[in-house]
């Protein structure tokens, strides 16, 4: 599964805002500006602003306007369930666009692949159910997940054997 840049930016902003410790994170005196968050997330300020507006509207962030203003974690933000937050930030978009610019010829049917991908997406979100924003912030601060991160997928034996079989057949055809 793949998170949108909007969701990724939202999570990173929340983690940065929570990085001041449990007590300081909800203290308006510990607020940060959109410009500061843009620098810390290496994202355009306009993108950060959109995310902050959404999180403030959801009551996860508090804000103070004016020259010395900024945003901070709202009271209760640490108890927000990450699964629900991800579902909200991501919206209900399908993993693949079956009816996009070039519609899939199977889109008119009740396609099994479409259902499987929807189930996989929900299972991805469910991985975060029961984990709070506070849990994420605390794990990050404690460095619990430090170390290499596995990326990519291992090659499946079925696909490896299939490719080797095709390569062998192609080689024989050349002889």
N, C-alpha and C. Protein backbone atom coordinates (compact mmCIF):
# COMPACT_ATOMS: atom_id res chain seq x y z
N UNK A 1 0.85 -1.17 0.00
CA UNK A 1 0.00 0.00 0.00
C UNK A 1 0.90 1.24 0.00
N UNK A 2 0.33 2.31 -0.41
CA UNK A 2 1.10 3.54 -0.57
C UNK A 2 0.28 4.70 -0.01
N UNK A 3 0.87 5.46 0.89
CA UNK A 3 0.19 6.63 1.44
C UNK A 3 0.36 7.81 0.50
N UNK A 4 -0.65 8.67 0.45
CA UNK A 4 -0.51 9.89 -0.32
C UNK A 4 0.50 10.81 0.36
N UNK A 5 1.05 11.73 -0.39
CA UNK A 5 1.98 12.70 0.18
C UNK A 5 1.29 13.54 1.25
N UNK A 6 0.00 13.79 1.06
CA UNK A 6 -0.79 14.56 2.02
C UNK A 6 -0.79 13.86 3.38
N UNK A 7 -1.08 12.57 3.39
CA UNK A 7 -1.11 11.80 4.63
C UNK A 7 0.27 11.71 5.25
N UNK A 8 1.27 11.43 4.43
CA UNK A 8 2.65 11.35 4.92
C UNK A 8 3.06 12.66 5.58
N UNK A 9 2.76 13.76 4.94
CA UNK A 9 3.09 15.07 5.48
C UNK A 9 2.33 15.33 6.78
N UNK A 10 1.08 14.91 6.84
CA UNK A 10 0.29 15.07 8.06
C UNK A 10 0.89 14.30 9.22
N UNK A 11 1.26 13.04 8.99
CA UNK A 11 1.84 12.22 10.06
C UNK A 11 3.18 12.79 10.53
N UNK A 12 4.01 13.18 9.57
CA UNK A 12 5.33 13.74 9.95
C UNK A 12 5.17 15.05 10.72
N UNK A 13 4.24 15.88 10.30
CA UNK A 13 3.99 17.14 11.02
C UNK A 13 3.53 16.87 12.45
N UNK A 14 2.63 15.91 12.61
CA UNK A 14 2.15 15.56 13.95
C UNK A 14 3.28 15.02 14.82
N UNK A 15 4.15 14.21 14.23
CA UNK A 15 5.28 13.67 15.00
C UNK A 15 6.24 14.78 15.41
N UNK A 16 6.48 15.72 14.52
CA UNK A 16 7.36 16.85 14.85
C UNK A 16 6.74 17.69 15.96
N UNK A 17 5.44 17.96 15.84
CA UNK A 17 4.77 18.75 16.88
C UNK A 17 4.74 18.01 18.21
N UNK A 18 4.70 16.70 18.19
CA UNK A 18 4.70 15.92 19.42
C UNK A 18 6.07 15.66 19.99
N UNK A 19 7.09 16.06 19.26
CA UNK A 19 8.48 15.78 19.65
C UNK A 19 8.94 16.57 20.87
N UNK A 20 8.14 17.49 21.36
CA UNK A 20 8.54 18.30 22.51
C UNK A 20 8.25 17.61 23.83
N UNK A 21 7.80 16.36 23.78
CA UNK A 21 7.46 15.64 25.01
C UNK A 21 5.97 15.71 25.26
N UNK A 22 5.47 14.78 26.04
CA UNK A 22 4.03 14.65 26.26
C UNK A 22 3.42 15.93 26.82
N UNK A 23 4.06 16.54 27.79
CA UNK A 23 3.49 17.74 28.42
C UNK A 23 3.60 18.95 27.50
N UNK A 24 4.76 19.12 26.87
CA UNK A 24 4.98 20.31 26.05
C UNK A 24 4.25 20.30 24.73
N UNK A 25 3.90 19.11 24.23
CA UNK A 25 3.29 19.01 22.90
C UNK A 25 1.94 19.72 22.83
N UNK A 26 1.19 19.71 23.91
CA UNK A 26 -0.12 20.36 23.90
C UNK A 26 -0.08 21.75 24.50
N UNK A 27 1.10 22.25 24.77
CA UNK A 27 1.27 23.59 25.34
C UNK A 27 1.34 24.60 24.19
N UNK A 28 0.41 25.55 24.14
CA UNK A 28 0.45 26.55 23.06
C UNK A 28 1.78 27.30 22.98
N UNK A 29 2.52 27.35 24.08
CA UNK A 29 3.83 28.02 24.06
C UNK A 29 4.84 27.23 23.22
N UNK A 30 4.56 25.96 22.97
CA UNK A 30 5.47 25.11 22.19
C UNK A 30 5.07 25.03 20.72
N UNK A 31 4.31 25.99 20.27
CA UNK A 31 3.80 25.94 18.90
C UNK A 31 4.90 26.18 17.86
N UNK A 32 4.58 25.73 16.66
CA UNK A 32 5.49 25.92 15.53
C UNK A 32 4.71 26.52 14.37
N UNK A 33 5.41 27.27 13.58
CA UNK A 33 4.76 27.91 12.43
C UNK A 33 4.73 26.95 11.24
N UNK A 34 3.91 27.29 10.28
CA UNK A 34 3.85 26.50 9.06
C UNK A 34 5.21 26.54 8.36
N UNK A 35 5.86 27.70 8.39
CA UNK A 35 7.19 27.81 7.79
C UNK A 35 8.20 26.88 8.44
N UNK A 36 8.17 26.80 9.76
CA UNK A 36 9.09 25.89 10.47
C UNK A 36 8.80 24.43 10.11
N UNK A 37 7.52 24.08 10.07
CA UNK A 37 7.16 22.71 9.70
C UNK A 37 7.55 22.41 8.26
N UNK A 38 7.42 23.40 7.38
CA UNK A 38 7.81 23.20 5.98
C UNK A 38 9.30 22.89 5.87
N UNK A 39 10.10 23.62 6.63
CA UNK A 39 11.55 23.37 6.63
C UNK A 39 11.84 21.98 7.19
N UNK A 40 11.21 21.66 8.31
CA UNK A 40 11.49 20.38 8.98
C UNK A 40 11.00 19.17 8.19
N UNK A 41 9.97 19.35 7.39
CA UNK A 41 9.46 18.23 6.58
C UNK A 41 9.96 18.27 5.15
N UNK A 42 10.73 19.31 4.81
CA UNK A 42 11.25 19.50 3.45
C UNK A 42 10.10 19.50 2.43
N UNK A 43 9.03 20.21 2.77
CA UNK A 43 7.86 20.28 1.90
C UNK A 43 7.50 21.74 1.67
N UNK A 44 6.84 22.03 0.57
CA UNK A 44 6.40 23.41 0.33
C UNK A 44 5.43 23.87 1.41
N UNK A 45 5.56 25.13 1.82
CA UNK A 45 4.69 25.68 2.86
C UNK A 45 3.21 25.59 2.46
N UNK A 46 2.91 25.72 1.17
CA UNK A 46 1.51 25.63 0.73
C UNK A 46 0.93 24.24 1.00
N UNK A 47 1.75 23.20 0.84
CA UNK A 47 1.29 21.84 1.12
C UNK A 47 1.09 21.64 2.61
N UNK A 48 2.05 22.14 3.39
CA UNK A 48 1.95 22.02 4.85
C UNK A 48 0.70 22.73 5.34
N UNK A 49 0.43 23.90 4.78
CA UNK A 49 -0.73 24.68 5.21
C UNK A 49 -2.02 23.89 4.99
N UNK A 50 -2.17 23.23 3.84
CA UNK A 50 -3.37 22.44 3.56
C UNK A 50 -3.55 21.33 4.59
N UNK A 51 -2.47 20.66 4.93
CA UNK A 51 -2.53 19.58 5.92
C UNK A 51 -2.90 20.14 7.29
N UNK A 52 -2.27 21.25 7.66
CA UNK A 52 -2.51 21.86 8.97
C UNK A 52 -3.95 22.32 9.09
N UNK A 53 -4.49 22.91 8.03
CA UNK A 53 -5.89 23.34 8.05
C UNK A 53 -6.80 22.14 8.30
N UNK A 54 -6.53 21.04 7.64
CA UNK A 54 -7.34 19.82 7.81
C UNK A 54 -7.23 19.28 9.23
N UNK A 55 -6.01 19.20 9.78
CA UNK A 55 -5.81 18.66 11.12
C UNK A 55 -6.38 19.59 12.19
N UNK A 56 -6.32 20.89 11.94
CA UNK A 56 -6.90 21.85 12.88
C UNK A 56 -8.42 21.73 12.86
N UNK A 57 -8.99 21.62 11.67
CA UNK A 57 -10.43 21.45 11.53
C UNK A 57 -10.94 20.18 12.20
N UNK A 58 -10.10 19.15 12.23
CA UNK A 58 -10.47 17.88 12.86
C UNK A 58 -10.29 17.93 14.38
N UNK A 59 -9.73 19.04 14.88
CA UNK A 59 -9.53 19.17 16.32
C UNK A 59 -8.28 18.49 16.85
N UNK A 60 -7.41 18.03 15.95
CA UNK A 60 -6.18 17.37 16.37
C UNK A 60 -5.10 18.39 16.69
N UNK A 61 -5.15 19.52 16.01
CA UNK A 61 -4.22 20.61 16.27
C UNK A 61 -4.97 21.82 16.79
N UNK A 62 -4.29 22.58 17.62
CA UNK A 62 -4.77 23.89 18.03
C UNK A 62 -3.92 24.92 17.33
N UNK A 63 -4.42 26.12 17.21
CA UNK A 63 -3.63 27.15 16.54
C UNK A 63 -3.82 28.49 17.23
N UNK A 64 -2.77 29.29 17.11
CA UNK A 64 -2.79 30.66 17.61
C UNK A 64 -2.44 31.54 16.42
N UNK A 65 -3.29 32.50 16.12
CA UNK A 65 -3.05 33.39 14.98
C UNK A 65 -2.15 34.54 15.40
N UNK A 66 -1.61 35.19 14.41
CA UNK A 66 -0.84 36.40 14.67
C UNK A 66 0.65 36.21 14.52
N UNK A 67 1.35 37.28 14.83
CA UNK A 67 2.80 37.33 14.63
C UNK A 67 3.54 36.25 15.40
N UNK A 68 3.13 35.98 16.59
CA UNK A 68 3.80 34.94 17.38
C UNK A 68 2.94 33.67 17.44
N UNK A 69 2.14 33.46 16.41
CA UNK A 69 1.24 32.31 16.37
C UNK A 69 1.92 31.05 15.89
N UNK A 70 1.12 30.03 15.75
CA UNK A 70 1.61 28.74 15.29
C UNK A 70 0.62 27.65 15.65
N UNK A 71 1.01 26.41 15.43
CA UNK A 71 0.15 25.27 15.72
C UNK A 71 0.80 24.37 16.75
N UNK A 72 -0.04 23.60 17.43
CA UNK A 72 0.41 22.68 18.48
C UNK A 72 -0.61 21.56 18.56
N UNK A 73 -0.23 20.46 19.20
CA UNK A 73 -1.17 19.36 19.39
C UNK A 73 -2.28 19.81 20.33
N UNK A 74 -3.51 19.59 19.94
CA UNK A 74 -4.66 19.95 20.78
C UNK A 74 -4.77 18.96 21.94
N UNK A 75 -5.47 19.38 22.99
CA UNK A 75 -5.74 18.45 24.08
C UNK A 75 -6.46 17.23 23.51
N UNK A 76 -6.03 16.08 23.90
CA UNK A 76 -6.64 14.84 23.43
C UNK A 76 -6.07 14.31 22.13
N UNK A 77 -5.18 15.06 21.48
CA UNK A 77 -4.62 14.62 20.20
C UNK A 77 -3.84 13.32 20.34
N UNK A 78 -3.18 13.15 21.47
CA UNK A 78 -2.37 11.94 21.67
C UNK A 78 -3.22 10.68 21.72
N UNK A 79 -4.53 10.81 21.95
CA UNK A 79 -5.40 9.63 22.03
C UNK A 79 -6.05 9.29 20.69
N UNK A 80 -5.77 10.07 19.67
CA UNK A 80 -6.35 9.82 18.34
C UNK A 80 -5.84 8.48 17.81
N UNK A 81 -6.75 7.65 17.33
CA UNK A 81 -6.42 6.35 16.77
C UNK A 81 -5.81 6.53 15.37
N UNK A 82 -4.63 5.96 15.16
CA UNK A 82 -3.94 6.14 13.87
C UNK A 82 -4.71 5.53 12.71
N UNK A 83 -5.36 4.40 12.94
CA UNK A 83 -6.14 3.79 11.87
C UNK A 83 -7.23 4.72 11.37
N UNK A 84 -7.95 5.33 12.30
CA UNK A 84 -9.01 6.26 11.91
C UNK A 84 -8.42 7.52 11.26
N UNK A 85 -7.29 7.99 11.79
CA UNK A 85 -6.64 9.17 11.22
C UNK A 85 -6.21 8.90 9.78
N UNK A 86 -5.59 7.74 9.55
CA UNK A 86 -5.16 7.40 8.19
C UNK A 86 -6.34 7.30 7.24
N UNK A 87 -7.41 6.66 7.68
CA UNK A 87 -8.60 6.55 6.83
C UNK A 87 -9.14 7.93 6.47
N UNK A 88 -9.13 8.83 7.46
CA UNK A 88 -9.64 10.18 7.23
C UNK A 88 -8.74 10.96 6.27
N UNK A 89 -7.43 10.91 6.49
CA UNK A 89 -6.51 11.66 5.64
C UNK A 89 -6.45 11.09 4.22
N UNK A 90 -6.49 9.78 4.11
CA UNK A 90 -6.40 9.14 2.79
C UNK A 90 -7.69 9.27 2.01
N UNK A 91 -8.81 9.33 2.69
CA UNK A 91 -10.09 9.32 1.98
C UNK A 91 -10.40 7.91 1.51
N UNK A 92 -11.48 7.77 0.83
CA UNK A 92 -11.90 6.44 0.37
C UNK A 92 -11.61 6.26 -1.12
N UNK A 93 -10.34 6.31 -1.46
CA UNK A 93 -9.93 6.10 -2.84
C UNK A 93 -9.52 4.65 -3.01
N UNK A 94 -9.79 4.12 -4.18
CA UNK A 94 -9.41 2.74 -4.46
C UNK A 94 -7.91 2.66 -4.73
N UNK A 95 -7.35 1.47 -4.50
CA UNK A 95 -5.92 1.25 -4.72
C UNK A 95 -5.58 1.45 -6.19
N UNK A 96 -6.42 0.96 -7.07
CA UNK A 96 -6.24 1.18 -8.51
C UNK A 96 -7.48 1.88 -9.04
N UNK A 97 -7.30 2.65 -10.09
CA UNK A 97 -8.40 3.40 -10.68
C UNK A 97 -8.97 2.58 -11.84
N UNK A 98 -9.98 1.78 -11.53
CA UNK A 98 -10.56 0.89 -12.53
C UNK A 98 -11.36 1.64 -13.60
N UNK A 99 -11.82 2.83 -13.28
CA UNK A 99 -12.68 3.56 -14.20
C UNK A 99 -12.08 4.91 -14.59
N UNK A 100 -10.76 4.99 -14.62
CA UNK A 100 -10.07 6.25 -14.90
C UNK A 100 -10.10 6.62 -16.37
N UNK A 101 -9.04 7.32 -16.81
CA UNK A 101 -8.94 7.79 -18.19
C UNK A 101 -9.01 6.64 -19.19
N UNK A 102 -8.37 5.54 -18.84
CA UNK A 102 -8.42 4.33 -19.66
C UNK A 102 -9.09 3.25 -18.83
N UNK A 103 -10.40 3.16 -18.90
CA UNK A 103 -11.11 2.20 -18.04
C UNK A 103 -10.68 0.76 -18.28
N UNK A 104 -10.64 0.01 -17.23
CA UNK A 104 -10.31 -1.41 -17.31
C UNK A 104 -11.48 -2.14 -17.99
N UNK A 105 -11.20 -3.07 -18.87
CA UNK A 105 -12.29 -3.79 -19.53
C UNK A 105 -13.11 -4.64 -18.55
N UNK A 106 -12.57 -4.90 -17.37
CA UNK A 106 -13.29 -5.69 -16.36
C UNK A 106 -14.08 -4.82 -15.41
N UNK A 107 -14.01 -3.49 -15.55
CA UNK A 107 -14.64 -2.57 -14.60
C UNK A 107 -16.15 -2.72 -14.56
N UNK A 108 -16.75 -3.17 -15.63
CA UNK A 108 -18.21 -3.31 -15.65
C UNK A 108 -18.67 -4.52 -14.86
N UNK A 109 -17.78 -5.45 -14.64
CA UNK A 109 -18.11 -6.64 -13.86
C UNK A 109 -17.89 -6.35 -12.38
N UNK A 110 -18.30 -7.29 -11.58
CA UNK A 110 -17.99 -7.25 -10.16
C UNK A 110 -16.63 -7.94 -10.01
N UNK A 111 -15.56 -7.21 -10.29
CA UNK A 111 -14.21 -7.76 -10.43
C UNK A 111 -13.63 -8.25 -9.10
N UNK A 112 -13.14 -9.46 -9.09
CA UNK A 112 -12.54 -10.06 -7.89
C UNK A 112 -11.29 -9.30 -7.45
N UNK A 113 -10.49 -8.88 -8.41
CA UNK A 113 -9.26 -8.15 -8.07
C UNK A 113 -9.59 -6.87 -7.33
N UNK A 114 -10.60 -6.17 -7.78
CA UNK A 114 -11.01 -4.91 -7.15
C UNK A 114 -11.39 -5.16 -5.69
N UNK A 115 -12.12 -6.23 -5.43
CA UNK A 115 -12.52 -6.57 -4.06
C UNK A 115 -11.31 -6.96 -3.21
N UNK A 116 -10.41 -7.74 -3.78
CA UNK A 116 -9.20 -8.14 -3.04
C UNK A 116 -8.35 -6.93 -2.68
N UNK A 117 -8.21 -6.01 -3.61
CA UNK A 117 -7.42 -4.81 -3.34
C UNK A 117 -8.09 -3.93 -2.28
N UNK A 118 -9.41 -3.85 -2.29
CA UNK A 118 -10.13 -3.09 -1.26
C UNK A 118 -9.92 -3.74 0.11
N UNK A 119 -9.95 -5.07 0.15
CA UNK A 119 -9.70 -5.79 1.41
C UNK A 119 -8.27 -5.55 1.89
N UNK A 120 -7.32 -5.58 0.96
CA UNK A 120 -5.92 -5.35 1.33
C UNK A 120 -5.73 -3.95 1.88
N UNK A 121 -6.39 -2.98 1.27
CA UNK A 121 -6.30 -1.60 1.74
C UNK A 121 -6.86 -1.48 3.16
N UNK A 122 -8.00 -2.10 3.41
CA UNK A 122 -8.59 -2.04 4.74
C UNK A 122 -7.70 -2.76 5.76
N UNK A 123 -7.08 -3.87 5.37
CA UNK A 123 -6.15 -4.56 6.27
C UNK A 123 -4.94 -3.70 6.58
N UNK A 124 -4.48 -2.95 5.60
CA UNK A 124 -3.38 -2.01 5.82
C UNK A 124 -3.76 -0.99 6.89
N UNK A 125 -4.94 -0.37 6.73
CA UNK A 125 -5.40 0.61 7.72
C UNK A 125 -5.60 -0.05 9.08
N UNK A 126 -6.12 -1.27 9.09
CA UNK A 126 -6.39 -1.98 10.35
C UNK A 126 -5.12 -2.24 11.14
N UNK A 127 -3.98 -2.29 10.46
CA UNK A 127 -2.69 -2.46 11.14
C UNK A 127 -2.48 -1.34 12.16
N UNK A 128 -3.04 -0.17 11.89
CA UNK A 128 -2.85 1.00 12.74
C UNK A 128 -3.96 1.17 13.77
N UNK A 129 -5.02 0.37 13.66
CA UNK A 129 -6.11 0.45 14.64
C UNK A 129 -5.59 0.09 16.02
N UNK A 130 -5.99 0.86 17.01
CA UNK A 130 -5.56 0.59 18.39
C UNK A 130 -4.23 1.22 18.75
N UNK A 131 -3.55 1.80 17.77
CA UNK A 131 -2.30 2.52 18.04
C UNK A 131 -2.65 4.01 18.01
N UNK A 132 -2.28 4.71 19.05
CA UNK A 132 -2.62 6.13 19.13
C UNK A 132 -1.49 6.99 18.60
N UNK A 133 -1.82 8.24 18.33
CA UNK A 133 -0.80 9.21 17.93
C UNK A 133 0.26 9.31 19.02
N UNK A 134 -0.17 9.28 20.28
CA UNK A 134 0.78 9.31 21.40
C UNK A 134 1.73 8.12 21.37
N UNK A 135 1.22 6.93 21.03
CA UNK A 135 2.08 5.74 20.92
C UNK A 135 3.15 5.96 19.85
N UNK A 136 2.73 6.49 18.71
CA UNK A 136 3.66 6.74 17.61
C UNK A 136 4.73 7.75 18.02
N UNK A 137 4.30 8.83 18.65
CA UNK A 137 5.24 9.87 19.09
C UNK A 137 6.21 9.31 20.12
N UNK A 138 5.70 8.55 21.08
CA UNK A 138 6.56 7.98 22.12
C UNK A 138 7.56 6.98 21.55
N UNK A 139 7.10 6.13 20.63
CA UNK A 139 8.01 5.15 20.00
C UNK A 139 9.11 5.86 19.23
N UNK A 140 8.74 6.93 18.54
CA UNK A 140 9.71 7.68 17.77
C UNK A 140 10.73 8.35 18.69
N UNK A 141 10.25 8.95 19.78
CA UNK A 141 11.14 9.63 20.73
C UNK A 141 12.09 8.66 21.40
N UNK A 142 11.61 7.43 21.65
CA UNK A 142 12.44 6.43 22.32
C UNK A 142 13.37 5.72 21.34
N UNK A 143 13.21 5.97 20.06
CA UNK A 143 14.06 5.32 19.06
C UNK A 143 13.80 3.83 18.97
N UNK A 144 12.59 3.40 19.32
CA UNK A 144 12.27 1.97 19.34
C UNK A 144 12.37 1.33 17.97
N UNK A 145 12.15 2.08 16.94
CA UNK A 145 12.15 1.50 15.60
C UNK A 145 13.39 1.90 14.81
N UNK A 146 14.45 2.28 15.53
CA UNK A 146 15.68 2.69 14.85
C UNK A 146 16.29 1.49 14.13
N UNK A 147 16.97 1.76 13.06
CA UNK A 147 17.62 0.69 12.32
C UNK A 147 17.11 0.65 10.89
N UNK A 148 17.62 -0.30 10.13
CA UNK A 148 17.23 -0.38 8.73
C UNK A 148 15.75 -0.72 8.58
N UNK A 149 15.16 -0.18 7.54
CA UNK A 149 13.76 -0.42 7.23
C UNK A 149 13.71 -1.27 5.97
N UNK A 150 12.96 -2.36 6.02
CA UNK A 150 12.82 -3.20 4.84
C UNK A 150 11.93 -2.49 3.83
N UNK A 151 12.40 -2.38 2.63
CA UNK A 151 11.59 -1.79 1.57
C UNK A 151 11.53 -2.76 0.41
N UNK A 152 10.51 -2.63 -0.38
CA UNK A 152 10.36 -3.52 -1.52
C UNK A 152 9.81 -4.86 -1.11
N UNK A 153 9.57 -5.66 -2.06
CA UNK A 153 9.01 -6.99 -1.83
C UNK A 153 10.03 -8.02 -2.27
N UNK A 154 10.15 -9.11 -1.52
CA UNK A 154 11.04 -10.17 -1.99
C UNK A 154 10.44 -10.80 -3.25
N UNK A 155 11.30 -11.33 -4.08
CA UNK A 155 10.82 -12.01 -5.27
C UNK A 155 10.15 -13.30 -4.86
N UNK A 156 8.98 -13.52 -5.36
CA UNK A 156 8.25 -14.73 -5.03
C UNK A 156 8.81 -15.89 -5.84
N UNK A 157 8.98 -17.06 -5.23
CA UNK A 157 9.53 -18.21 -5.97
C UNK A 157 8.73 -18.53 -7.23
N UNK A 158 7.43 -18.43 -7.17
CA UNK A 158 6.60 -18.73 -8.32
C UNK A 158 6.98 -17.84 -9.50
N UNK A 159 7.16 -16.55 -9.24
CA UNK A 159 7.51 -15.63 -10.32
C UNK A 159 8.94 -15.85 -10.78
N UNK A 160 9.84 -16.16 -9.85
CA UNK A 160 11.23 -16.41 -10.22
C UNK A 160 11.31 -17.64 -11.12
N UNK A 161 10.62 -18.70 -10.74
CA UNK A 161 10.64 -19.92 -11.55
C UNK A 161 10.02 -19.68 -12.91
N UNK A 162 8.95 -18.90 -12.94
CA UNK A 162 8.28 -18.59 -14.21
C UNK A 162 9.23 -17.82 -15.13
N UNK A 163 9.94 -16.83 -14.57
CA UNK A 163 10.88 -16.05 -15.38
C UNK A 163 12.03 -16.92 -15.87
N UNK A 164 12.55 -17.79 -15.00
CA UNK A 164 13.64 -18.68 -15.41
C UNK A 164 13.17 -19.63 -16.51
N UNK A 165 11.93 -20.13 -16.37
CA UNK A 165 11.37 -21.02 -17.38
C UNK A 165 11.24 -20.29 -18.72
N UNK A 166 10.76 -19.06 -18.68
CA UNK A 166 10.63 -18.28 -19.92
C UNK A 166 11.99 -17.99 -20.53
N UNK A 167 12.97 -17.66 -19.69
CA UNK A 167 14.32 -17.39 -20.20
C UNK A 167 14.90 -18.64 -20.84
N UNK A 168 14.65 -19.81 -20.22
CA UNK A 168 15.15 -21.07 -20.75
C UNK A 168 14.49 -21.36 -22.10
N UNK A 169 13.18 -21.14 -22.17
CA UNK A 169 12.47 -21.37 -23.43
C UNK A 169 12.95 -20.42 -24.52
N UNK A 170 13.18 -19.17 -24.17
CA UNK A 170 13.66 -18.20 -25.15
C UNK A 170 15.05 -18.56 -25.63
N UNK A 171 15.89 -19.08 -24.71
CA UNK A 171 17.24 -19.47 -25.06
C UNK A 171 17.19 -20.64 -26.05
N UNK A 172 16.32 -21.61 -25.79
CA UNK A 172 16.20 -22.76 -26.68
C UNK A 172 15.68 -22.35 -28.06
N UNK A 173 14.85 -21.35 -28.11
CA UNK A 173 14.31 -20.90 -29.39
C UNK A 173 15.40 -20.30 -30.27
N UNK A 174 16.44 -19.76 -29.63
CA UNK A 174 17.53 -19.14 -30.38
C UNK A 174 18.48 -20.18 -30.96
N UNK A 175 18.44 -21.42 -30.44
CA UNK A 175 19.41 -22.43 -30.88
C UNK A 175 19.04 -23.05 -32.19
